[in-house]
Amino acid sequence: MDTQDEVIAKLSPDSLLHALEPKQLEQLLGKASRRELQAGDVIINQGDENGDFAVYLLSGGLKISFVSAGGREIILSYCAPGELVGEIALLDSGPRTATVTAAIPSTVLIIPTLTFLDIVSVNPASVVGVMRELAQRVRQQNLVIESDRTFSMGPRLARALVRLIDSDRADGRLLYSPSQSDLGAFAGLARENVSRLLSEWEDQQIIARDGRMLVVKDTEYLQLLAEFGDEA
Protein backbone atom coordinates (compact mmCIF):
# COMPACT_ATOMS: atom_id res chain seq x y z
CA MET A 1 0.00 0.00 0.00
CA ASP A 2 1.27 3.48 -0.89
CA THR A 3 2.52 5.65 1.95
CA GLN A 4 1.24 9.21 2.18
CA ASP A 5 4.57 10.55 0.89
CA GLU A 6 4.33 8.24 -2.12
CA VAL A 7 0.76 9.38 -2.80
CA ILE A 8 1.85 13.03 -2.72
CA ALA A 9 4.84 12.30 -4.96
CA LYS A 10 2.49 10.87 -7.62
CA LEU A 11 0.42 14.06 -7.84
CA SER A 12 0.11 15.40 -11.38
CA PRO A 13 1.98 18.73 -11.80
CA ASP A 14 -1.29 20.54 -12.60
CA SER A 15 -3.34 18.90 -9.86
CA LEU A 16 -5.73 21.13 -7.95
CA LEU A 17 -4.31 19.64 -4.75
CA HIS A 18 -1.02 21.46 -5.30
CA ALA A 19 -2.85 24.59 -4.17
CA LEU A 20 -2.75 23.21 -0.63
CA GLU A 21 0.21 23.61 1.68
CA PRO A 22 2.03 20.36 2.64
CA LYS A 23 0.42 20.09 6.08
CA GLN A 24 -3.04 20.70 4.61
CA LEU A 25 -2.47 18.10 1.91
CA GLU A 26 -1.34 15.53 4.46
CA GLN A 27 -4.42 16.26 6.54
CA LEU A 28 -6.73 15.89 3.53
CA LEU A 29 -5.22 12.62 2.36
CA GLY A 30 -5.45 11.28 5.91
CA LYS A 31 -9.23 11.65 5.67
CA ALA A 32 -9.51 10.00 2.25
CA SER A 33 -10.73 6.42 1.80
CA ARG A 34 -9.21 3.86 -0.56
CA ARG A 35 -11.26 1.92 -3.13
CA GLU A 36 -10.41 -0.81 -5.64
CA LEU A 37 -12.15 -0.75 -9.05
CA GLN A 38 -12.47 -3.38 -11.76
CA ALA A 39 -12.54 -2.49 -15.46
CA GLY A 40 -15.98 -1.09 -16.27
CA ASP A 41 -16.82 -0.01 -12.71
CA VAL A 42 -18.44 3.44 -12.56
CA ILE A 43 -17.23 5.67 -9.74
CA ILE A 44 -19.08 8.86 -10.80
CA ASN A 45 -22.34 9.02 -12.77
CA GLN A 46 -23.35 11.93 -15.01
CA GLY A 47 -26.45 13.58 -13.55
CA ASP A 48 -25.92 12.47 -9.94
CA GLU A 49 -27.41 15.28 -7.88
CA ASN A 50 -24.88 15.50 -5.07
CA GLY A 51 -21.21 15.64 -6.00
CA ASP A 52 -19.83 15.21 -2.51
CA PHE A 53 -16.38 13.80 -3.33
CA ALA A 54 -13.51 13.86 -5.81
CA VAL A 55 -11.45 10.90 -6.96
CA TYR A 56 -7.64 10.74 -6.87
CA LEU A 57 -6.23 7.97 -9.07
CA LEU A 58 -3.39 5.99 -7.49
CA SER A 59 -3.01 3.30 -10.18
CA GLY A 60 -4.77 2.12 -13.31
CA GLY A 61 -6.75 4.42 -15.60
CA LEU A 62 -10.13 6.19 -15.67
CA LYS A 63 -12.29 7.18 -18.63
CA ILE A 64 -14.16 10.50 -18.36
CA SER A 65 -17.19 10.79 -20.64
CA PHE A 66 -20.65 12.26 -20.97
CA VAL A 67 -23.76 11.61 -23.03
CA SER A 68 -24.81 14.51 -25.25
CA ALA A 69 -28.38 15.77 -25.62
CA GLY A 70 -28.56 13.68 -28.81
CA GLY A 71 -27.64 10.53 -26.91
CA ARG A 72 -24.06 10.23 -28.22
CA GLU A 73 -21.23 9.34 -25.84
CA ILE A 74 -18.34 11.79 -25.92
CA ILE A 75 -15.08 10.86 -24.21
CA LEU A 76 -13.46 13.93 -22.72
CA SER A 77 -10.22 12.34 -21.56
CA TYR A 78 -8.49 9.41 -19.94
CA CYS A 79 -7.08 9.93 -16.47
CA ALA A 80 -3.62 8.64 -15.53
CA PRO A 81 -2.24 7.91 -12.03
CA GLY A 82 -1.64 11.07 -10.04
CA GLU A 83 -4.63 12.92 -11.50
CA LEU A 84 -7.73 14.18 -9.70
CA VAL A 85 -11.19 13.90 -11.26
CA GLY A 86 -14.53 15.26 -10.15
CA GLU A 87 -12.78 18.25 -8.60
CA ILE A 88 -15.57 20.70 -9.46
CA ALA A 89 -17.62 18.90 -6.81
CA LEU A 90 -15.03 19.94 -4.23
CA LEU A 91 -16.21 23.54 -4.73
CA ASP A 92 -19.93 23.44 -5.43
CA SER A 93 -21.25 19.92 -4.56
CA GLY A 94 -23.45 20.29 -7.65
CA PRO A 95 -24.75 17.66 -10.09
CA ARG A 96 -22.14 15.59 -11.91
CA THR A 97 -21.47 16.72 -15.47
CA ALA A 98 -19.64 13.57 -16.58
CA THR A 99 -19.31 9.85 -15.90
CA VAL A 100 -16.04 8.38 -14.64
CA THR A 101 -15.40 4.71 -15.40
CA ALA A 102 -12.43 2.46 -14.70
CA ALA A 103 -10.79 1.73 -18.07
CA ILE A 104 -8.65 -0.97 -16.44
CA PRO A 105 -8.38 -2.29 -12.86
CA SER A 106 -7.64 0.79 -10.74
CA THR A 107 -7.04 1.99 -7.21
CA VAL A 108 -8.44 5.35 -6.13
CA LEU A 109 -8.76 7.59 -3.10
CA ILE A 110 -12.14 9.15 -2.35
CA ILE A 111 -11.71 12.74 -1.11
CA PRO A 112 -14.81 14.14 0.68
CA THR A 113 -15.95 17.61 -0.35
CA LEU A 114 -16.69 18.84 3.18
CA THR A 115 -13.24 17.82 4.38
CA PHE A 116 -11.59 19.65 1.47
CA LEU A 117 -13.60 22.83 2.10
CA ASP A 118 -12.87 22.77 5.84
CA ILE A 119 -9.14 22.44 5.24
CA VAL A 120 -8.87 25.00 2.41
CA SER A 121 -11.05 27.69 3.98
CA VAL A 122 -8.70 28.30 6.90
CA ASN A 123 -5.90 29.44 4.58
CA PRO A 124 -6.54 32.37 2.16
CA ALA A 125 -3.42 31.46 0.17
CA SER A 126 -4.89 28.04 -0.56
CA VAL A 127 -8.16 29.59 -1.74
CA VAL A 128 -6.25 31.81 -4.18
CA GLY A 129 -4.20 28.81 -5.32
CA VAL A 130 -7.37 26.82 -6.05
CA MET A 131 -8.77 29.70 -8.12
CA ARG A 132 -5.55 29.95 -10.14
CA GLU A 133 -5.47 26.19 -10.81
CA LEU A 134 -9.07 26.24 -12.01
CA ALA A 135 -8.45 29.24 -14.27
CA GLN A 136 -5.45 27.47 -15.82
CA ARG A 137 -7.57 24.35 -16.35
CA VAL A 138 -10.19 26.36 -18.23
CA ARG A 139 -7.53 27.95 -20.44
CA GLN A 140 -6.03 24.57 -21.31
CA GLN A 141 -9.40 23.04 -22.05
CA ASN A 142 -10.35 25.93 -24.32
CA LEU A 143 -7.14 25.48 -26.30
CA VAL A 144 -7.83 21.77 -26.77
CA ILE A 145 -11.43 22.38 -27.86
CA GLU A 146 -10.46 25.14 -30.29
CA SER A 147 -7.68 23.14 -31.94
CA ASP A 148 -9.89 20.04 -32.23
CA ARG A 149 -12.51 22.11 -34.06
CA THR A 150 -10.05 23.33 -36.65
CA PHE A 151 -8.46 19.93 -37.38
CA SER A 152 -9.70 17.46 -39.99
CA MET A 153 -10.32 13.78 -39.26
CA GLY A 154 -6.75 12.48 -39.54
CA PRO A 155 -5.16 14.99 -37.17
CA ARG A 156 -8.02 14.59 -34.68
CA LEU A 157 -7.52 10.82 -34.52
CA ALA A 158 -3.76 11.35 -34.31
CA ARG A 159 -4.27 13.66 -31.30
CA ALA A 160 -6.37 10.99 -29.59
CA LEU A 161 -3.79 8.27 -30.19
CA VAL A 162 -0.86 10.44 -29.09
CA ARG A 163 -2.65 11.20 -25.81
CA LEU A 164 -3.05 7.47 -25.19
CA ILE A 165 0.52 6.32 -25.90
CA ASP A 166 2.14 4.82 -22.80
CA SER A 167 5.10 7.15 -22.18
CA ASP A 168 6.70 4.59 -19.84
CA ARG A 169 7.19 2.16 -22.73
CA ALA A 170 9.28 2.48 -25.87
CA ASP A 171 7.20 0.22 -28.12
CA GLY A 172 4.31 2.59 -28.92
CA ARG A 173 1.67 0.64 -27.02
CA LEU A 174 -1.36 2.50 -25.74
CA LEU A 175 -2.18 2.87 -22.08
CA TYR A 176 -5.53 1.14 -22.58
CA SER A 177 -7.16 -0.92 -25.32
CA PRO A 178 -9.96 1.35 -26.56
CA SER A 179 -12.49 0.07 -29.07
CA GLN A 180 -12.95 1.90 -32.37
CA SER A 181 -16.17 3.32 -30.93
CA ASP A 182 -14.27 4.68 -27.92
CA LEU A 183 -11.57 6.16 -30.15
CA GLY A 184 -14.31 7.84 -32.18
CA ALA A 185 -15.96 9.19 -29.04
CA PHE A 186 -12.58 10.52 -27.87
CA ALA A 187 -11.60 12.09 -31.21
CA GLY A 188 -15.08 13.32 -32.14
CA LEU A 189 -15.35 11.01 -35.18
CA ALA A 190 -17.76 8.36 -36.39
CA ARG A 191 -16.59 4.78 -35.82
CA GLU A 192 -16.61 4.17 -39.58
CA ASN A 193 -14.12 7.01 -40.11
CA VAL A 194 -11.90 5.68 -37.33
CA SER A 195 -11.93 2.23 -38.92
CA ARG A 196 -10.99 3.63 -42.33
CA LEU A 197 -8.15 5.78 -41.00
CA LEU A 198 -6.72 2.95 -38.90
CA SER A 199 -6.76 0.64 -41.91
CA GLU A 200 -4.95 3.24 -44.01
CA TRP A 201 -2.34 3.84 -41.29
CA GLU A 202 -1.86 0.11 -40.86
CA ASP A 203 -1.17 -0.25 -44.61
CA GLN A 204 1.34 2.62 -44.30
CA GLN A 205 2.93 0.93 -41.24
CA ILE A 206 2.15 3.94 -39.06
CA ILE A 207 0.31 1.64 -36.65
CA ALA A 208 0.10 -2.12 -36.16
CA ARG A 209 -2.26 -4.48 -34.38
CA ASP A 210 -1.24 -6.90 -31.68
CA GLY A 211 -4.44 -8.83 -31.13
CA ARG A 212 -6.97 -6.23 -29.94
CA MET A 213 -4.22 -3.79 -28.98
CA LEU A 214 -3.10 -0.96 -31.25
CA VAL A 215 0.63 -0.21 -31.40
CA VAL A 216 1.95 3.06 -32.81
CA LYS A 217 4.96 2.28 -35.01
CA ASP A 218 5.64 5.79 -36.31
CA THR A 219 5.19 7.98 -33.25
CA GLU A 220 6.98 10.95 -34.83
CA TYR A 221 4.54 11.06 -37.76
CA LEU A 222 1.46 10.98 -35.53
CA GLN A 223 2.92 13.65 -33.22
CA LEU A 224 3.57 15.96 -36.19
CA LEU A 225 0.10 15.30 -37.58
CA ALA A 226 -1.44 15.92 -34.16
CA GLU A 227 0.41 19.20 -33.67
CA PHE A 228 0.37 20.75 -37.15
CA GLY A 229 -2.62 19.08 -38.79
CA ASP A 230 -2.70 18.37 -42.51
CA GLU A 231 0.21 20.77 -43.07
CA ALA A 232 2.59 18.33 -41.31
C-alpha atoms as a PDB file:
ATOM      1  CA  MET A   1       0.000   0.000   0.000  1.00  0.00           C
ATOM      2  CA  ASP A   2       1.268   3.480  -0.892  1.00  0.00           C
ATOM      3  CA  THR A   3       2.519   5.653   1.947  1.00  0.00           C
ATOM      4  CA  GLN A   4       1.242   9.212   2.183  1.00  0.00           C
ATOM      5  CA  ASP A   5       4.568  10.548   0.890  1.00  0.00           C
ATOM      6  CA  GLU A   6       4.326   8.237  -2.124  1.00  0.00           C
ATOM      7  CA  VAL A   7       0.758   9.377  -2.800  1.00  0.00           C
ATOM      8  CA  ILE A   8       1.854  13.032  -2.720  1.00  0.00           C
ATOM      9  CA  ALA A   9       4.840  12.300  -4.960  1.00  0.00           C
ATOM     10  CA  LYS A  10       2.486  10.866  -7.615  1.00  0.00           C
ATOM     11  CA  LEU A  11       0.418  14.058  -7.840  1.00  0.00           C
ATOM     12  CA  SER A  12       0.113  15.397 -11.376  1.00  0.00           C
ATOM     13  CA  PRO A  13       1.975  18.733 -11.801  1.00  0.00           C
ATOM     14  CA  ASP A  14      -1.286  20.542 -12.600  1.00  0.00           C
ATOM     15  CA  SER A  15      -3.337  18.905  -9.857  1.00  0.00           C
ATOM     16  CA  LEU A  16      -5.727  21.134  -7.952  1.00  0.00           C
ATOM     17  CA  LEU A  17      -4.315  19.639  -4.754  1.00  0.00           C
ATOM     18  CA  HIS A  18      -1.017  21.461  -5.303  1.00  0.00           C
ATOM     19  CA  ALA A  19      -2.847  24.594  -4.175  1.00  0.00           C
ATOM     20  CA  LEU A  20      -2.753  23.208  -0.633  1.00  0.00           C
ATOM     21  CA  GLU A  21       0.206  23.608   1.680  1.00  0.00           C
ATOM     22  CA  PRO A  22       2.027  20.362   2.641  1.00  0.00           C
ATOM     23  CA  LYS A  23       0.420  20.091   6.078  1.00  0.00           C
ATOM     24  CA  GLN A  24      -3.038  20.699   4.607  1.00  0.00           C
ATOM     25  CA  LEU A  25      -2.467  18.099   1.911  1.00  0.00           C
ATOM     26  CA  GLU A  26      -1.340  15.529   4.458  1.00  0.00           C
ATOM     27  CA  GLN A  27      -4.424  16.255   6.545  1.00  0.00           C
ATOM     28  CA  LEU A  28      -6.726  15.891   3.529  1.00  0.00           C
ATOM     29  CA  LEU A  29      -5.217  12.615   2.362  1.00  0.00           C
ATOM     30  CA  GLY A  30      -5.449  11.283   5.906  1.00  0.00           C
ATOM     31  CA  LYS A  31      -9.231  11.653   5.675  1.00  0.00           C
ATOM     32  CA  ALA A  32      -9.510   9.996   2.254  1.00  0.00           C
ATOM     33  CA  SER A  33     -10.734   6.418   1.804  1.00  0.00           C
ATOM     34  CA  ARG A  34      -9.211   3.855  -0.555  1.00  0.00           C
ATOM     35  CA  ARG A  35     -11.259   1.921  -3.131  1.00  0.00           C
ATOM     36  CA  GLU A  36     -10.415  -0.808  -5.645  1.00  0.00           C
ATOM     37  CA  LEU A  37     -12.146  -0.753  -9.048  1.00  0.00           C
ATOM     38  CA  GLN A  38     -12.474  -3.382 -11.759  1.00  0.00           C
ATOM     39  CA  ALA A  39     -12.537  -2.492 -15.459  1.00  0.00           C
ATOM     40  CA  GLY A  40     -15.980  -1.086 -16.267  1.00  0.00           C
ATOM     41  CA  ASP A  41     -16.818  -0.013 -12.709  1.00  0.00           C
ATOM     42  CA  VAL A  42     -18.441   3.439 -12.565  1.00  0.00           C
ATOM     43  CA  ILE A  43     -17.233   5.673  -9.739  1.00  0.00           C
ATOM     44  CA  ILE A  44     -19.082   8.865 -10.796  1.00  0.00           C
ATOM     45  CA  ASN A  45     -22.344   9.021 -12.771  1.00  0.00           C
ATOM     46  CA  GLN A  46     -23.352  11.928 -15.012  1.00  0.00           C
ATOM     47  CA  GLY A  47     -26.448  13.578 -13.547  1.00  0.00           C
ATOM     48  CA  ASP A  48     -25.925  12.473  -9.938  1.00  0.00           C
ATOM     49  CA  GLU A  49     -27.412  15.281  -7.876  1.00  0.00           C
ATOM     50  CA  ASN A  50     -24.878  15.497  -5.072  1.00  0.00           C
ATOM     51  CA  GLY A  51     -21.207  15.637  -6.002  1.00  0.00           C
ATOM     52  CA  ASP A  52     -19.827  15.209  -2.510  1.00  0.00           C
ATOM     53  CA  PHE A  53     -16.382  13.799  -3.331  1.00  0.00           C
ATOM     54  CA  ALA A  54     -13.507  13.862  -5.806  1.00  0.00           C
ATOM     55  CA  VAL A  55     -11.451  10.900  -6.961  1.00  0.00           C
ATOM     56  CA  TYR A  56      -7.643  10.743  -6.868  1.00  0.00           C
ATOM     57  CA  LEU A  57      -6.230   7.971  -9.069  1.00  0.00           C
ATOM     58  CA  LEU A  58      -3.393   5.985  -7.493  1.00  0.00           C
ATOM     59  CA  SER A  59      -3.007   3.298 -10.180  1.00  0.00           C
ATOM     60  CA  GLY A  60      -4.775   2.125 -13.310  1.00  0.00           C
ATOM     61  CA  GLY A  61      -6.753   4.420 -15.598  1.00  0.00           C
ATOM     62  CA  LEU A  62     -10.127   6.190 -15.668  1.00  0.00           C
ATOM     63  CA  LYS A  63     -12.294   7.182 -18.635  1.00  0.00           C
ATOM     64  CA  ILE A  64     -14.155  10.497 -18.360  1.00  0.00           C
ATOM     65  CA  SER A  65     -17.187  10.789 -20.642  1.00  0.00           C
ATOM     66  CA  PHE A  66     -20.648  12.261 -20.973  1.00  0.00           C
ATOM     67  CA  VAL A  67     -23.763  11.609 -23.027  1.00  0.00           C
ATOM     68  CA  SER A  68     -24.809  14.512 -25.248  1.00  0.00           C
ATOM     69  CA  ALA A  69     -28.377  15.766 -25.623  1.00  0.00           C
ATOM     70  CA  GLY A  70     -28.563  13.681 -28.810  1.00  0.00           C
ATOM     71  CA  GLY A  71     -27.644  10.527 -26.906  1.00  0.00           C
ATOM     72  CA  ARG A  72     -24.061  10.230 -28.216  1.00  0.00           C
ATOM     73  CA  GLU A  73     -21.235   9.341 -25.839  1.00  0.00           C
ATOM     74  CA  ILE A  74     -18.337  11.793 -25.918  1.00  0.00           C
ATOM     75  CA  ILE A  75     -15.077  10.858 -24.205  1.00  0.00           C
ATOM     76  CA  LEU A  76     -13.461  13.930 -22.719  1.00  0.00           C
ATOM     77  CA  SER A  77     -10.219  12.342 -21.561  1.00  0.00           C
ATOM     78  CA  TYR A  78      -8.492   9.408 -19.944  1.00  0.00           C
ATOM     79  CA  CYS A  79      -7.083   9.935 -16.473  1.00  0.00           C
ATOM     80  CA  ALA A  80      -3.618   8.637 -15.533  1.00  0.00           C
ATOM     81  CA  PRO A  81      -2.235   7.910 -12.035  1.00  0.00           C
ATOM     82  CA  GLY A  82      -1.643  11.074 -10.035  1.00  0.00           C
ATOM     83  CA  GLU A  83      -4.626  12.918 -11.503  1.00  0.00           C
ATOM     84  CA  LEU A  84      -7.726  14.184  -9.700  1.00  0.00           C
ATOM     85  CA  VAL A  85     -11.186  13.896 -11.261  1.00  0.00           C
ATOM     86  CA  GLY A  86     -14.531  15.260 -10.151  1.00  0.00           C
ATOM     87  CA  GLU A  87     -12.779  18.246  -8.603  1.00  0.00           C
ATOM     88  CA  ILE A  88     -15.567  20.700  -9.456  1.00  0.00           C
ATOM     89  CA  ALA A  89     -17.622  18.900  -6.808  1.00  0.00           C
ATOM     90  CA  LEU A  90     -15.029  19.945  -4.230  1.00  0.00           C
ATOM     91  CA  LEU A  91     -16.209  23.536  -4.727  1.00  0.00           C
ATOM     92  CA  ASP A  92     -19.933  23.436  -5.430  1.00  0.00           C
ATOM     93  CA  SER A  93     -21.251  19.918  -4.557  1.00  0.00           C
ATOM     94  CA  GLY A  94     -23.453  20.287  -7.650  1.00  0.00           C
ATOM     95  CA  PRO A  95     -24.747  17.658 -10.088  1.00  0.00           C
ATOM     96  CA  ARG A  96     -22.145  15.586 -11.909  1.00  0.00           C
ATOM     97  CA  THR A  97     -21.470  16.721 -15.470  1.00  0.00           C
ATOM     98  CA  ALA A  98     -19.642  13.573 -16.580  1.00  0.00           C
ATOM     99  CA  THR A  99     -19.308   9.853 -15.901  1.00  0.00           C
ATOM    100  CA  VAL A 100     -16.039   8.376 -14.641  1.00  0.00           C
ATOM    101  CA  THR A 101     -15.401   4.710 -15.398  1.00  0.00           C
ATOM    102  CA  ALA A 102     -12.427   2.457 -14.695  1.00  0.00           C
ATOM    103  CA  ALA A 103     -10.795   1.732 -18.070  1.00  0.00           C
ATOM    104  CA  ILE A 104      -8.647  -0.967 -16.441  1.00  0.00           C
ATOM    105  CA  PRO A 105      -8.381  -2.290 -12.858  1.00  0.00           C
ATOM    106  CA  SER A 106      -7.640   0.789 -10.743  1.00  0.00           C
ATOM    107  CA  THR A 107      -7.038   1.991  -7.206  1.00  0.00           C
ATOM    108  CA  VAL A 108      -8.443   5.349  -6.127  1.00  0.00           C
ATOM    109  CA  LEU A 109      -8.757   7.594  -3.100  1.00  0.00           C
ATOM    110  CA  ILE A 110     -12.145   9.149  -2.348  1.00  0.00           C
ATOM    111  CA  ILE A 111     -11.714  12.738  -1.115  1.00  0.00           C
ATOM    112  CA  PRO A 112     -14.806  14.144   0.678  1.00  0.00           C
ATOM    113  CA  THR A 113     -15.954  17.614  -0.346  1.00  0.00           C
ATOM    114  CA  LEU A 114     -16.691  18.842   3.177  1.00  0.00           C
ATOM    115  CA  THR A 115     -13.240  17.818   4.379  1.00  0.00           C
ATOM    116  CA  PHE A 116     -11.589  19.646   1.469  1.00  0.00           C
ATOM    117  CA  LEU A 117     -13.596  22.830   2.104  1.00  0.00           C
ATOM    118  CA  ASP A 118     -12.871  22.769   5.840  1.00  0.00           C
ATOM    119  CA  ILE A 119      -9.142  22.443   5.237  1.00  0.00           C
ATOM    120  CA  VAL A 120      -8.870  25.001   2.414  1.00  0.00           C
ATOM    121  CA  SER A 121     -11.055  27.686   3.978  1.00  0.00           C
ATOM    122  CA  VAL A 122      -8.702  28.304   6.905  1.00  0.00           C
ATOM    123  CA  ASN A 123      -5.898  29.442   4.579  1.00  0.00           C
ATOM    124  CA  PRO A 124      -6.539  32.367   2.162  1.00  0.00           C
ATOM    125  CA  ALA A 125      -3.422  31.465   0.168  1.00  0.00           C
ATOM    126  CA  SER A 126      -4.888  28.038  -0.556  1.00  0.00           C
ATOM    127  CA  VAL A 127      -8.158  29.594  -1.740  1.00  0.00           C
ATOM    128  CA  VAL A 128      -6.251  31.811  -4.181  1.00  0.00           C
ATOM    129  CA  GLY A 129      -4.205  28.811  -5.318  1.00  0.00           C
ATOM    130  CA  VAL A 130      -7.367  26.816  -6.053  1.00  0.00           C
ATOM    131  CA  MET A 131      -8.767  29.699  -8.116  1.00  0.00           C
ATOM    132  CA  ARG A 132      -5.547  29.945 -10.140  1.00  0.00           C
ATOM    133  CA  GLU A 133      -5.468  26.195 -10.812  1.00  0.00           C
ATOM    134  CA  LEU A 134      -9.069  26.239 -12.011  1.00  0.00           C
ATOM    135  CA  ALA A 135      -8.447  29.238 -14.270  1.00  0.00           C
ATOM    136  CA  GLN A 136      -5.451  27.473 -15.819  1.00  0.00           C
ATOM    137  CA  ARG A 137      -7.566  24.351 -16.349  1.00  0.00           C
ATOM    138  CA  VAL A 138     -10.195  26.361 -18.226  1.00  0.00           C
ATOM    139  CA  ARG A 139      -7.535  27.947 -20.438  1.00  0.00           C
ATOM    140  CA  GLN A 140      -6.026  24.574 -21.314  1.00  0.00           C
ATOM    141  CA  GLN A 141      -9.403  23.038 -22.055  1.00  0.00           C
ATOM    142  CA  ASN A 142     -10.354  25.932 -24.325  1.00  0.00           C
ATOM    143  CA  LEU A 143      -7.138  25.483 -26.299  1.00  0.00           C
ATOM    144  CA  VAL A 144      -7.833  21.775 -26.768  1.00  0.00           C
ATOM    145  CA  ILE A 145     -11.427  22.377 -27.865  1.00  0.00           C
ATOM    146  CA  GLU A 146     -10.464  25.137 -30.288  1.00  0.00           C
ATOM    147  CA  SER A 147      -7.679  23.135 -31.935  1.00  0.00           C
ATOM    148  CA  ASP A 148      -9.891  20.044 -32.226  1.00  0.00           C
ATOM    149  CA  ARG A 149     -12.512  22.107 -34.057  1.00  0.00           C
ATOM    150  CA  THR A 150     -10.047  23.328 -36.652  1.00  0.00           C
ATOM    151  CA  PHE A 151      -8.463  19.927 -37.377  1.00  0.00           C
ATOM    152  CA  SER A 152      -9.705  17.459 -39.987  1.00  0.00           C
ATOM    153  CA  MET A 153     -10.323  13.784 -39.256  1.00  0.00           C
ATOM    154  CA  GLY A 154      -6.750  12.480 -39.539  1.00  0.00           C
ATOM    155  CA  PRO A 155      -5.164  14.989 -37.166  1.00  0.00           C
ATOM    156  CA  ARG A 156      -8.020  14.589 -34.679  1.00  0.00           C
ATOM    157  CA  LEU A 157      -7.524  10.823 -34.519  1.00  0.00           C
ATOM    158  CA  ALA A 158      -3.757  11.347 -34.315  1.00  0.00           C
ATOM    159  CA  ARG A 159      -4.272  13.660 -31.301  1.00  0.00           C
ATOM    160  CA  ALA A 160      -6.367  10.991 -29.588  1.00  0.00           C
ATOM    161  CA  LEU A 161      -3.789   8.267 -30.189  1.00  0.00           C
ATOM    162  CA  VAL A 162      -0.862  10.441 -29.094  1.00  0.00           C
ATOM    163  CA  ARG A 163      -2.650  11.202 -25.806  1.00  0.00           C
ATOM    164  CA  LEU A 164      -3.055   7.467 -25.190  1.00  0.00           C
ATOM    165  CA  ILE A 165       0.525   6.315 -25.897  1.00  0.00           C
ATOM    166  CA  ASP A 166       2.143   4.817 -22.800  1.00  0.00           C
ATOM    167  CA  SER A 167       5.095   7.145 -22.184  1.00  0.00           C
ATOM    168  CA  ASP A 168       6.702   4.593 -19.839  1.00  0.00           C
ATOM    169  CA  ARG A 169       7.188   2.160 -22.731  1.00  0.00           C
ATOM    170  CA  ALA A 170       9.283   2.477 -25.872  1.00  0.00           C
ATOM    171  CA  ASP A 171       7.199   0.217 -28.119  1.00  0.00           C
ATOM    172  CA  GLY A 172       4.314   2.590 -28.919  1.00  0.00           C
ATOM    173  CA  ARG A 173       1.674   0.636 -27.025  1.00  0.00           C
ATOM    174  CA  LEU A 174      -1.356   2.497 -25.735  1.00  0.00           C
ATOM    175  CA  LEU A 175      -2.182   2.874 -22.079  1.00  0.00           C
ATOM    176  CA  TYR A 176      -5.526   1.138 -22.581  1.00  0.00           C
ATOM    177  CA  SER A 177      -7.160  -0.916 -25.315  1.00  0.00           C
ATOM    178  CA  PRO A 178      -9.965   1.355 -26.559  1.00  0.00           C
ATOM    179  CA  SER A 179     -12.488   0.073 -29.074  1.00  0.00           C
ATOM    180  CA  GLN A 180     -12.947   1.901 -32.373  1.00  0.00           C
ATOM    181  CA  SER A 181     -16.169   3.324 -30.932  1.00  0.00           C
ATOM    182  CA  ASP A 182     -14.268   4.678 -27.919  1.00  0.00           C
ATOM    183  CA  LEU A 183     -11.574   6.161 -30.154  1.00  0.00           C
ATOM    184  CA  GLY A 184     -14.312   7.842 -32.184  1.00  0.00           C
ATOM    185  CA  ALA A 185     -15.963   9.195 -29.041  1.00  0.00           C
ATOM    186  CA  PHE A 186     -12.579  10.520 -27.873  1.00  0.00           C
ATOM    187  CA  ALA A 187     -11.598  12.087 -31.212  1.00  0.00           C
ATOM    188  CA  GLY A 188     -15.084  13.320 -32.141  1.00  0.00           C
ATOM    189  CA  LEU A 189     -15.346  11.011 -35.177  1.00  0.00           C
ATOM    190  CA  ALA A 190     -17.755   8.362 -36.386  1.00  0.00           C
ATOM    191  CA  ARG A 191     -16.595   4.784 -35.816  1.00  0.00           C
ATOM    192  CA  GLU A 192     -16.606   4.169 -39.580  1.00  0.00           C
ATOM    193  CA  ASN A 193     -14.122   7.006 -40.110  1.00  0.00           C
ATOM    194  CA  VAL A 194     -11.900   5.682 -37.327  1.00  0.00           C
ATOM    195  CA  SER A 195     -11.929   2.230 -38.921  1.00  0.00           C
ATOM    196  CA  ARG A 196     -10.992   3.630 -42.332  1.00  0.00           C
ATOM    197  CA  LEU A 197      -8.151   5.778 -40.995  1.00  0.00           C
ATOM    198  CA  LEU A 198      -6.723   2.953 -38.897  1.00  0.00           C
ATOM    199  CA  SER A 199      -6.759   0.636 -41.906  1.00  0.00           C
ATOM    200  CA  GLU A 200      -4.952   3.243 -44.013  1.00  0.00           C
ATOM    201  CA  TRP A 201      -2.344   3.835 -41.294  1.00  0.00           C
ATOM    202  CA  GLU A 202      -1.855   0.113 -40.856  1.00  0.00           C
ATOM    203  CA  ASP A 203      -1.173  -0.246 -44.606  1.00  0.00           C
ATOM    204  CA  GLN A 204       1.337   2.623 -44.303  1.00  0.00           C
ATOM    205  CA  GLN A 205       2.935   0.927 -41.240  1.00  0.00           C
ATOM    206  CA  ILE A 206       2.155   3.940 -39.057  1.00  0.00           C
ATOM    207  CA  ILE A 207       0.309   1.640 -36.652  1.00  0.00           C
ATOM    208  CA  ALA A 208       0.097  -2.116 -36.157  1.00  0.00           C
ATOM    209  CA  ARG A 209      -2.263  -4.480 -34.385  1.00  0.00           C
ATOM    210  CA  ASP A 210      -1.242  -6.903 -31.678  1.00  0.00           C
ATOM    211  CA  GLY A 211      -4.438  -8.834 -31.129  1.00  0.00           C
ATOM    212  CA  ARG A 212      -6.968  -6.233 -29.937  1.00  0.00           C
ATOM    213  CA  MET A 213      -4.219  -3.786 -28.984  1.00  0.00           C
ATOM    214  CA  LEU A 214      -3.099  -0.955 -31.246  1.00  0.00           C
ATOM    215  CA  VAL A 215       0.626  -0.208 -31.396  1.00  0.00           C
ATOM    216  CA  VAL A 216       1.954   3.058 -32.807  1.00  0.00           C
ATOM    217  CA  LYS A 217       4.959   2.278 -35.009  1.00  0.00           C
ATOM    218  CA  ASP A 218       5.636   5.789 -36.314  1.00  0.00           C
ATOM    219  CA  THR A 219       5.189   7.984 -33.253  1.00  0.00           C
ATOM    220  CA  GLU A 220       6.976  10.949 -34.834  1.00  0.00           C
ATOM    221  CA  TYR A 221       4.544  11.060 -37.763  1.00  0.00           C
ATOM    222  CA  LEU A 222       1.464  10.982 -35.532  1.00  0.00           C
ATOM    223  CA  GLN A 223       2.921  13.647 -33.225  1.00  0.00           C
ATOM    224  CA  LEU A 224       3.567  15.958 -36.188  1.00  0.00           C
ATOM    225  CA  LEU A 225       0.100  15.298 -37.585  1.00  0.00           C
ATOM    226  CA  ALA A 226      -1.442  15.921 -34.164  1.00  0.00           C
ATOM    227  CA  GLU A 227       0.407  19.199 -33.666  1.00  0.00           C
ATOM    228  CA  PHE A 228       0.367  20.750 -37.152  1.00  0.00           C
ATOM    229  CA  GLY A 229      -2.624  19.083 -38.793  1.00  0.00           C
ATOM    230  CA  ASP A 230      -2.702  18.374 -42.507  1.00  0.00           C
ATOM    231  CA  GLU A 231       0.210  20.774 -43.074  1.00  0.00           C
ATOM    232  CA  ALA A 232       2.589  18.329 -41.313  1.00  0.00           C
END
